[in-house]
């Protein structure tokens, strides 16, 4: 993973920032196409050593849009529920719910970008990859990604908080791509 990050550190952060910005500005509607597009860019870098940031725009399809909206709907739902904010046990339950959702969807956008599978088939195959290759290592990556998203808290995150969020988005997708290449037996350089 570090080898890939050293090849294009600013490019990876730039593509991550673009994916995050467009996802936020569209209120999540572009999350799926941007996640799959970022995965496509990183897959090409990992497999071929080719940096093609324009590939980030190649995943604007109905399939990726539906997958993104469904994932965000499932993932964000407990944080929008008002009673969850009342006590710590509800917050912990919501956090573990998010871990489970993220674990099931771990490779979905990477699979969509790599194989053009329908989102439902990619979701099924994603879970099979996680299950067959040990959920414990995947849980660590999911926890890192989710905890990173909690860093910029407050009504108006500062520049440092947003920079850390962009870095976590880039690193989490890069980690997913490298893990995907490992479990599908096409290791990254």
Protein backbone atom coordinates (compact mmCIF):
# COMPACT_ATOMS: atom_id res chain seq x y z
CA UNK A 1 0.00 0.00 0.00
CA UNK A 2 2.80 2.39 0.86
CA UNK A 3 4.49 1.68 -2.48
CA UNK A 4 1.36 2.84 -4.28
CA UNK A 5 0.97 5.84 -2.02
CA UNK A 6 4.57 6.88 -2.72
CA UNK A 7 3.95 6.67 -6.48
CA UNK A 8 1.12 9.21 -6.52
CA UNK A 9 0.62 10.78 -3.07
CA UNK A 10 -0.84 14.06 -4.29
CA UNK A 11 -2.81 12.36 -7.04
CA UNK A 12 -4.44 9.94 -4.63
CA UNK A 13 -5.26 12.75 -2.21
CA UNK A 14 -6.57 14.91 -5.07
CA UNK A 15 -8.83 12.17 -6.43
CA UNK A 16 -10.00 11.43 -2.87
CA UNK A 17 -10.76 15.11 -2.26
CA UNK A 18 -12.70 15.29 -5.52
CA UNK A 19 -14.70 12.16 -4.66
CA UNK A 20 -15.46 13.49 -1.19
CA UNK A 21 -16.32 16.99 -2.39
CA UNK A 22 -18.70 15.85 -5.13
CA UNK A 23 -20.30 13.31 -2.79
CA UNK A 24 -20.90 16.00 -0.18
CA UNK A 25 -22.09 18.65 -2.64
CA UNK A 26 -24.56 16.19 -4.17
CA UNK A 27 -25.78 15.20 -0.67
CA UNK A 28 -24.53 11.68 -1.31
CA UNK A 29 -26.17 11.17 -4.69
CA UNK A 30 -22.78 10.88 -6.43
CA UNK A 31 -21.19 8.76 -3.71
CA UNK A 32 -21.45 5.47 -5.64
CA UNK A 33 -20.05 6.69 -8.96
CA UNK A 34 -17.25 8.57 -7.18
CA UNK A 35 -16.31 5.58 -4.97
CA UNK A 36 -16.28 3.18 -7.91
CA UNK A 37 -14.37 5.71 -10.00
CA UNK A 38 -11.74 6.20 -7.29
CA UNK A 39 -11.43 2.42 -6.99
CA UNK A 40 -10.96 2.19 -10.78
CA UNK A 41 -8.12 4.75 -10.68
CA UNK A 42 -6.41 2.92 -7.83
CA UNK A 43 -6.88 -0.50 -9.44
CA UNK A 44 -5.13 0.72 -12.59
CA UNK A 45 -2.31 2.20 -10.55
CA UNK A 46 -1.90 -1.00 -8.51
CA UNK A 47 -2.11 -3.46 -11.39
CA UNK A 48 -0.34 -1.64 -14.21
CA UNK A 49 1.50 1.22 -12.54
CA UNK A 50 -0.52 3.55 -14.76
CA UNK A 51 -1.86 6.79 -13.33
CA UNK A 52 -5.15 7.62 -15.08
CA UNK A 53 -7.14 10.01 -12.90
CA UNK A 54 -9.65 10.51 -15.73
CA UNK A 55 -10.85 6.95 -15.00
CA UNK A 56 -12.57 8.44 -11.95
CA UNK A 57 -15.31 9.65 -14.30
CA UNK A 58 -15.84 6.24 -15.92
CA UNK A 59 -18.27 4.87 -13.35
CA UNK A 60 -21.23 7.21 -13.77
CA UNK A 61 -23.84 4.53 -14.35
CA UNK A 62 -27.25 3.73 -12.91
CA UNK A 63 -25.77 0.68 -11.18
CA UNK A 64 -23.16 2.68 -9.22
CA UNK A 65 -25.66 5.40 -8.39
CA UNK A 66 -28.12 2.89 -6.90
CA UNK A 67 -25.35 1.13 -4.98
CA UNK A 68 -24.13 4.43 -3.52
CA UNK A 69 -27.56 5.59 -2.45
CA UNK A 70 -28.35 2.21 -0.85
CA UNK A 71 -25.02 2.04 0.96
CA UNK A 72 -25.32 5.57 2.32
CA UNK A 73 -28.95 4.97 3.28
CA UNK A 74 -27.99 1.89 5.25
CA UNK A 75 -24.78 3.34 6.68
CA UNK A 76 -26.07 6.78 7.70
CA UNK A 77 -29.52 5.71 8.91
CA UNK A 78 -28.55 5.11 12.56
CA UNK A 79 -26.74 8.45 12.82
CA UNK A 80 -29.85 10.28 11.65
CA UNK A 81 -32.14 8.59 14.15
CA UNK A 82 -32.80 11.06 16.96
CA UNK A 83 -32.99 8.58 19.89
CA UNK A 84 -29.48 7.31 19.14
CA UNK A 85 -27.98 10.57 20.33
CA UNK A 86 -29.59 10.22 23.78
CA UNK A 87 -27.23 7.77 25.46
CA UNK A 88 -23.88 6.09 25.00
CA UNK A 89 -25.26 2.57 24.58
CA UNK A 90 -27.32 3.67 21.56
CA UNK A 91 -24.26 5.37 20.08
CA UNK A 92 -22.20 2.20 20.54
CA UNK A 93 -24.95 0.11 18.96
CA UNK A 94 -25.09 2.51 15.99
CA UNK A 95 -21.30 2.31 15.62
CA UNK A 96 -21.34 -1.50 15.56
CA UNK A 97 -24.23 -1.42 13.08
CA UNK A 98 -22.07 0.75 10.81
CA UNK A 99 -19.17 -1.69 11.15
CA UNK A 100 -21.41 -4.57 10.04
CA UNK A 101 -22.80 -2.61 7.07
CA UNK A 102 -19.30 -1.51 6.01
CA UNK A 103 -18.05 -5.09 6.33
CA UNK A 104 -20.79 -6.44 4.05
CA UNK A 105 -20.14 -3.67 1.50
CA UNK A 106 -16.33 -3.76 1.84
CA UNK A 107 -15.42 -4.71 -1.75
CA UNK A 108 -18.69 -3.79 -3.47
CA UNK A 109 -17.56 -0.61 -5.23
CA UNK A 110 -14.18 -2.13 -6.12
CA UNK A 111 -15.93 -5.16 -7.62
CA UNK A 112 -18.29 -2.92 -9.58
CA UNK A 113 -15.33 -0.93 -10.93
CA UNK A 114 -13.27 -4.02 -11.72
CA UNK A 115 -15.84 -6.47 -13.06
CA UNK A 116 -18.90 -4.36 -14.00
CA UNK A 117 -21.07 -6.61 -11.82
CA UNK A 118 -24.55 -5.48 -10.92
CA UNK A 119 -24.53 -3.94 -7.43
CA UNK A 120 -26.45 -6.86 -5.92
CA UNK A 121 -23.99 -9.43 -7.31
CA UNK A 122 -21.05 -7.26 -6.26
CA UNK A 123 -22.49 -7.01 -2.74
CA UNK A 124 -22.88 -10.79 -2.55
CA UNK A 125 -19.36 -11.40 -3.89
CA UNK A 126 -17.99 -8.75 -1.53
CA UNK A 127 -19.37 -10.59 1.48
CA UNK A 128 -18.05 -13.90 0.16
CA UNK A 129 -14.55 -12.42 -0.17
CA UNK A 130 -14.68 -11.04 3.37
CA UNK A 131 -16.07 -14.28 4.78
CA UNK A 132 -13.67 -16.55 2.90
CA UNK A 133 -10.54 -14.52 3.67
CA UNK A 134 -11.07 -13.82 7.34
CA UNK A 135 -13.37 -11.10 8.62
CA UNK A 136 -10.96 -10.11 11.43
CA UNK A 137 -8.45 -8.37 9.15
CA UNK A 138 -11.28 -6.69 7.31
CA UNK A 139 -12.77 -5.46 10.59
CA UNK A 140 -9.52 -3.64 11.36
CA UNK A 141 -9.66 -1.81 8.02
CA UNK A 142 -13.34 -0.98 8.51
CA UNK A 143 -12.69 0.36 12.01
CA UNK A 144 -9.88 2.55 10.70
CA UNK A 145 -12.09 3.97 7.95
CA UNK A 146 -15.06 4.61 10.24
CA UNK A 147 -13.00 6.13 13.04
CA UNK A 148 -11.30 8.39 10.50
CA UNK A 149 -14.67 9.73 9.43
CA UNK A 150 -15.36 10.82 13.02
CA UNK A 151 -12.28 13.06 13.18
CA UNK A 152 -13.75 16.29 11.79
CA UNK A 153 -16.56 16.71 14.30
CA UNK A 154 -18.62 19.77 15.02
CA UNK A 155 -20.95 21.93 12.97
CA UNK A 156 -18.13 23.51 10.95
CA UNK A 157 -15.08 21.28 10.56
CA UNK A 158 -11.80 23.14 10.28
CA UNK A 159 -9.29 22.83 7.45
CA UNK A 160 -7.20 20.28 9.37
CA UNK A 161 -10.29 18.14 10.03
CA UNK A 162 -11.24 18.17 6.35
CA UNK A 163 -7.66 17.35 5.33
CA UNK A 164 -7.64 14.38 7.70
CA UNK A 165 -11.01 13.25 6.32
CA UNK A 166 -9.68 13.41 2.74
CA UNK A 167 -6.60 11.44 3.79
CA UNK A 168 -8.74 8.79 5.48
CA UNK A 169 -11.01 8.50 2.43
CA UNK A 170 -7.99 8.02 0.17
CA UNK A 171 -6.24 5.61 2.51
CA UNK A 172 -9.37 3.56 3.16
CA UNK A 173 -10.15 3.13 -0.55
CA UNK A 174 -6.48 2.40 -1.25
CA UNK A 175 -6.52 -0.18 1.55
CA UNK A 176 -9.66 -1.76 0.09
CA UNK A 177 -8.11 -1.95 -3.37
CA UNK A 178 -4.88 -3.50 -2.08
CA UNK A 179 -6.84 -5.98 0.05
CA UNK A 180 -9.05 -6.78 -2.95
CA UNK A 181 -6.02 -7.49 -5.13
CA UNK A 182 -4.61 -9.70 -2.39
CA UNK A 183 -7.76 -11.76 -1.85
CA UNK A 184 -8.43 -12.12 -5.57
CA UNK A 185 -4.86 -13.37 -6.03
CA UNK A 186 -3.68 -10.48 -8.17
CA UNK A 187 -1.29 -8.80 -5.71
CA UNK A 188 -0.29 -5.19 -6.11
CA UNK A 189 3.40 -4.41 -6.86
